């Protein structure tokens, strides 16, 4: 399957993507992971992107599109892919449409995961991430804390709150999303590709996707 996952930060796109990859071997592609990898590697792209990410701003389109075109042509994308958190703006969606046409790739659908703002704020401010770049296991201090406080169950590294998951940074990210990314719902509706799911559970989203694929 070839899907785009839409939804505000904290809507559960990453969790849904992981569950969907188990269905048919599609690969999850998150621009956040790609960019954080570039930042860790200290590449020119990473250094350029880091300034934007630290401020909670969107990374410019030309940086993102270059990475994405290379990524979609890697062999593991042949089984299908799930774009998690990309595109983020209408110009990106138009650029992606042109790029996919050039590569001869057709999308199955764009899934919009619609979760209330207060639920998202609660989820993200209580989220913690393993500081080991090779692990990045995610925890939640309320619903899924590590067995030993502050220590990753999987690799024993410290568990931290990411800079972009403080309440102030999250509020800014949500405002940016509503201004620049929410209009994508209308874009994909016009394209006839939209599946909108009003749910806070990943299972409900998966069921909706399965129904649409079967239909």
Protein backbone atom coordinates (compact mmCIF):
# COMPACT_ATOMS: atom_id res chain seq x y z
CA UNK A 1 0.00 0.00 0.00
CA UNK A 2 1.06 3.57 -0.63
CA UNK A 3 -0.43 5.93 1.94
CA UNK A 4 -0.04 9.41 3.34
CA UNK A 5 -0.80 9.80 7.05
CA UNK A 6 -2.16 13.22 8.01
CA UNK A 7 -2.84 14.49 11.51
CA UNK A 8 -1.45 16.95 14.05
CA UNK A 9 1.76 16.15 15.99
CA UNK A 10 0.76 13.53 18.57
CA UNK A 11 -2.28 12.28 16.63
CA UNK A 12 -0.71 8.81 16.55
CA UNK A 13 0.62 8.72 12.96
CA UNK A 14 3.79 6.88 13.97
CA UNK A 15 1.91 4.21 15.94
CA UNK A 16 -0.58 3.67 13.10
CA UNK A 17 2.28 3.48 10.57
CA UNK A 18 4.07 0.77 12.60
CA UNK A 19 0.88 -1.32 12.76
CA UNK A 20 0.24 -0.89 9.02
CA UNK A 21 3.80 -1.91 8.05
CA UNK A 22 3.15 -5.28 9.73
CA UNK A 23 0.19 -5.85 7.39
CA UNK A 24 2.07 -5.99 4.09
CA UNK A 25 5.73 -5.05 4.52
CA UNK A 26 5.27 -1.42 3.49
CA UNK A 27 8.01 0.82 4.88
CA UNK A 28 7.32 3.77 7.20
CA UNK A 29 8.93 7.00 6.02
CA UNK A 30 9.00 9.84 8.54
CA UNK A 31 10.64 13.09 7.49
CA UNK A 32 11.28 13.70 11.20
CA UNK A 33 13.38 10.52 11.45
CA UNK A 34 15.24 11.31 8.22
CA UNK A 35 15.98 14.86 9.37
CA UNK A 36 17.00 13.81 12.89
CA UNK A 37 19.33 11.24 11.27
CA UNK A 38 20.88 14.00 9.14
CA UNK A 39 21.31 16.20 12.24
CA UNK A 40 23.02 13.34 14.14
CA UNK A 41 25.28 12.62 11.17
CA UNK A 42 26.29 16.31 11.09
CA UNK A 43 25.71 16.50 7.33
CA UNK A 44 25.30 19.87 5.59
CA UNK A 45 21.58 19.13 5.25
CA UNK A 46 21.42 18.22 8.93
CA UNK A 47 23.11 21.43 10.05
CA UNK A 48 20.79 23.48 7.87
CA UNK A 49 17.69 21.62 9.08
CA UNK A 50 18.67 21.71 12.77
CA UNK A 51 18.14 25.47 13.12
CA UNK A 52 14.60 25.24 11.77
CA UNK A 53 13.70 22.20 13.87
CA UNK A 54 15.00 23.69 17.14
CA UNK A 55 12.80 26.75 16.62
CA UNK A 56 9.77 24.55 15.83
CA UNK A 57 9.63 25.93 12.27
CA UNK A 58 9.07 23.87 9.13
CA UNK A 59 12.18 22.81 7.20
CA UNK A 60 12.17 24.37 3.67
CA UNK A 61 10.60 22.39 0.85
CA UNK A 62 13.69 22.08 -1.35
CA UNK A 63 15.56 20.33 1.49
CA UNK A 64 12.68 17.95 2.15
CA UNK A 65 11.83 17.14 -1.50
CA UNK A 66 15.44 16.21 -2.29
CA UNK A 67 15.57 13.74 0.60
CA UNK A 68 12.14 12.33 -0.24
CA UNK A 69 12.85 11.68 -3.91
CA UNK A 70 16.00 9.71 -3.02
CA UNK A 71 14.19 7.81 -0.28
CA UNK A 72 11.24 6.67 -2.43
CA UNK A 73 13.63 5.14 -4.96
CA UNK A 74 15.36 2.91 -2.41
CA UNK A 75 14.64 -0.83 -2.85
CA UNK A 76 12.65 -1.22 0.40
CA UNK A 77 9.93 1.08 -0.99
CA UNK A 78 9.02 -1.37 -3.75
CA UNK A 79 6.53 -3.19 -1.42
CA UNK A 80 4.85 0.12 -0.59
CA UNK A 81 5.38 3.03 1.78
CA UNK A 82 3.62 5.11 4.43
CA UNK A 83 4.48 8.79 4.47
CA UNK A 84 4.27 9.80 8.13
CA UNK A 85 4.02 13.58 8.58
CA UNK A 86 4.69 14.45 4.94
CA UNK A 87 3.60 16.45 2.99
CA UNK A 88 3.01 19.29 5.45
CA UNK A 89 1.90 22.08 3.10
CA UNK A 90 -0.08 22.45 -0.14
CA UNK A 91 3.09 23.32 -2.16
CA UNK A 92 4.73 20.14 -0.79
CA UNK A 93 1.63 18.12 -1.73
CA UNK A 94 1.74 19.53 -5.27
CA UNK A 95 5.49 18.87 -5.54
CA UNK A 96 4.94 15.31 -4.24
CA UNK A 97 2.14 14.72 -6.76
CA UNK A 98 4.46 15.79 -9.60
CA UNK A 99 7.35 13.72 -8.23
CA UNK A 100 5.22 10.55 -7.87
CA UNK A 101 3.90 11.02 -11.42
CA UNK A 102 7.52 11.29 -12.64
CA UNK A 103 8.45 8.10 -10.74
CA UNK A 104 5.30 6.30 -11.96
CA UNK A 105 3.95 5.77 -8.42
CA UNK A 106 0.20 5.96 -7.57
CA UNK A 107 -1.08 6.71 -4.04
CA UNK A 108 -3.83 4.53 -2.52
CA UNK A 109 -5.12 7.13 -0.06
CA UNK A 110 -4.39 9.95 2.40
CA UNK A 111 -5.58 9.10 5.92
CA UNK A 112 -6.49 12.02 8.20
CA UNK A 113 -6.32 11.08 11.92
CA UNK A 114 -8.44 13.66 13.72
CA UNK A 115 -7.68 13.92 17.48
CA UNK A 116 -8.79 16.74 19.87
CA UNK A 117 -6.11 19.33 20.79
CA UNK A 118 -6.36 18.70 24.58
CA UNK A 119 -5.72 14.97 24.04
CA UNK A 120 -2.66 15.76 21.91
CA UNK A 121 -1.21 18.24 24.45
CA UNK A 122 -1.60 15.66 27.22
CA UNK A 123 -0.02 12.91 25.10
CA UNK A 124 3.01 14.91 24.00
CA UNK A 125 3.91 16.70 27.23
CA UNK A 126 3.99 13.31 28.98
CA UNK A 127 5.99 11.61 26.20
CA UNK A 128 9.62 10.64 26.79
CA UNK A 129 12.14 9.27 24.28
CA UNK A 130 15.25 7.12 24.73
CA UNK A 131 18.31 9.35 24.22
CA UNK A 132 20.23 6.59 22.39
CA UNK A 133 19.98 7.49 18.65
CA UNK A 134 20.05 3.80 17.70
CA UNK A 135 17.09 2.99 19.98
CA UNK A 136 14.69 5.99 20.25
CA UNK A 137 12.12 3.89 22.15
CA UNK A 138 9.12 6.03 23.14
CA UNK A 139 7.51 6.05 26.60
CA UNK A 140 4.72 7.96 28.33
CA UNK A 141 5.09 8.92 31.99
CA UNK A 142 1.34 8.36 32.56
CA UNK A 143 0.37 5.42 30.37
CA UNK A 144 3.61 3.56 29.55
CA UNK A 145 6.53 4.58 31.80
CA UNK A 146 9.86 2.73 31.70
CA UNK A 147 10.18 0.03 34.38
CA UNK A 148 12.97 2.02 36.05
CA UNK A 149 12.29 5.75 36.13
CA UNK A 150 14.34 7.67 33.56
CA UNK A 151 16.02 4.54 32.13
CA UNK A 152 15.16 2.85 28.82
CA UNK A 153 13.89 -0.74 29.21
CA UNK A 154 15.49 -1.79 25.93
CA UNK A 155 19.03 -0.38 26.05
CA UNK A 156 19.54 1.20 29.50
CA UNK A 157 20.18 4.74 28.18
CA UNK A 158 18.62 7.82 29.82
CA UNK A 159 15.04 8.63 28.79
CA UNK A 160 14.51 12.34 28.02
CA UNK A 161 11.85 14.90 27.12
CA UNK A 162 12.66 16.15 23.62
CA UNK A 163 13.15 19.93 23.21
CA UNK A 164 10.20 20.06 20.81
CA UNK A 165 7.87 18.33 23.32
CA UNK A 166 7.66 21.03 26.00
CA UNK A 167 4.19 22.60 26.28
CA UNK A 168 5.31 25.88 24.62
CA UNK A 169 6.97 24.08 21.70
CA UNK A 170 3.96 21.77 21.23
CA UNK A 171 1.50 24.69 21.20
CA UNK A 172 3.61 26.34 18.52
CA UNK A 173 3.76 23.10 16.50
CA UNK A 174 -0.03 22.72 16.71
CA UNK A 175 -0.58 26.32 15.60
CA UNK A 176 1.82 25.77 12.67
CA UNK A 177 -0.04 22.56 11.80
CA UNK A 178 -3.46 24.23 11.82
CA UNK A 179 -2.22 27.11 9.68
CA UNK A 180 -0.13 25.23 7.11
CA UNK A 181 -0.92 21.51 7.21
CA UNK A 182 -4.64 21.18 8.00
CA UNK A 183 -5.56 22.52 4.47
CA UNK A 184 -4.12 19.25 3.06
CA UNK A 185 -7.34 17.53 4.11
CA UNK A 186 -9.20 19.59 1.49
CA UNK A 187 -6.45 19.02 -1.09
CA UNK A 188 -6.67 15.21 -0.84
CA UNK A 189 -10.45 15.29 -0.65
CA UNK A 190 -10.45 17.03 -4.06
CA UNK A 191 -8.00 14.40 -5.34
CA UNK A 192 -10.50 11.70 -4.26
CA UNK A 193 -7.88 10.14 -1.96
CA UNK A 194 -9.05 11.21 1.52
CA UNK A 195 -10.04 8.84 4.33
CA UNK A 196 -10.91 10.81 7.49
CA UNK A 197 -10.98 8.94 10.81
CA UNK A 198 -12.23 10.66 13.95
CA UNK A 199 -10.63 8.45 16.60
CA UNK A 200 -8.16 8.39 19.48
CA UNK A 201 -7.44 4.64 19.08
CA UNK A 202 -4.99 3.29 16.51
CA UNK A 203 -7.16 0.18 16.00
CA UNK A 204 -10.07 2.31 14.72
CA UNK A 205 -7.75 3.95 12.17
CA UNK A 206 -6.39 0.56 11.01
CA UNK A 207 -9.95 -0.78 10.57
CA UNK A 208 -10.87 2.24 8.43
CA UNK A 209 -7.81 1.74 6.21
CA UNK A 210 -8.51 -1.99 5.78
CA UNK A 211 -12.12 -1.28 4.80
CA UNK A 212 -11.06 1.32 2.23
CA UNK A 213 -8.39 -0.98 0.72
CA UNK A 214 -10.89 -3.86 0.55
CA UNK A 215 -13.49 -1.59 -1.05
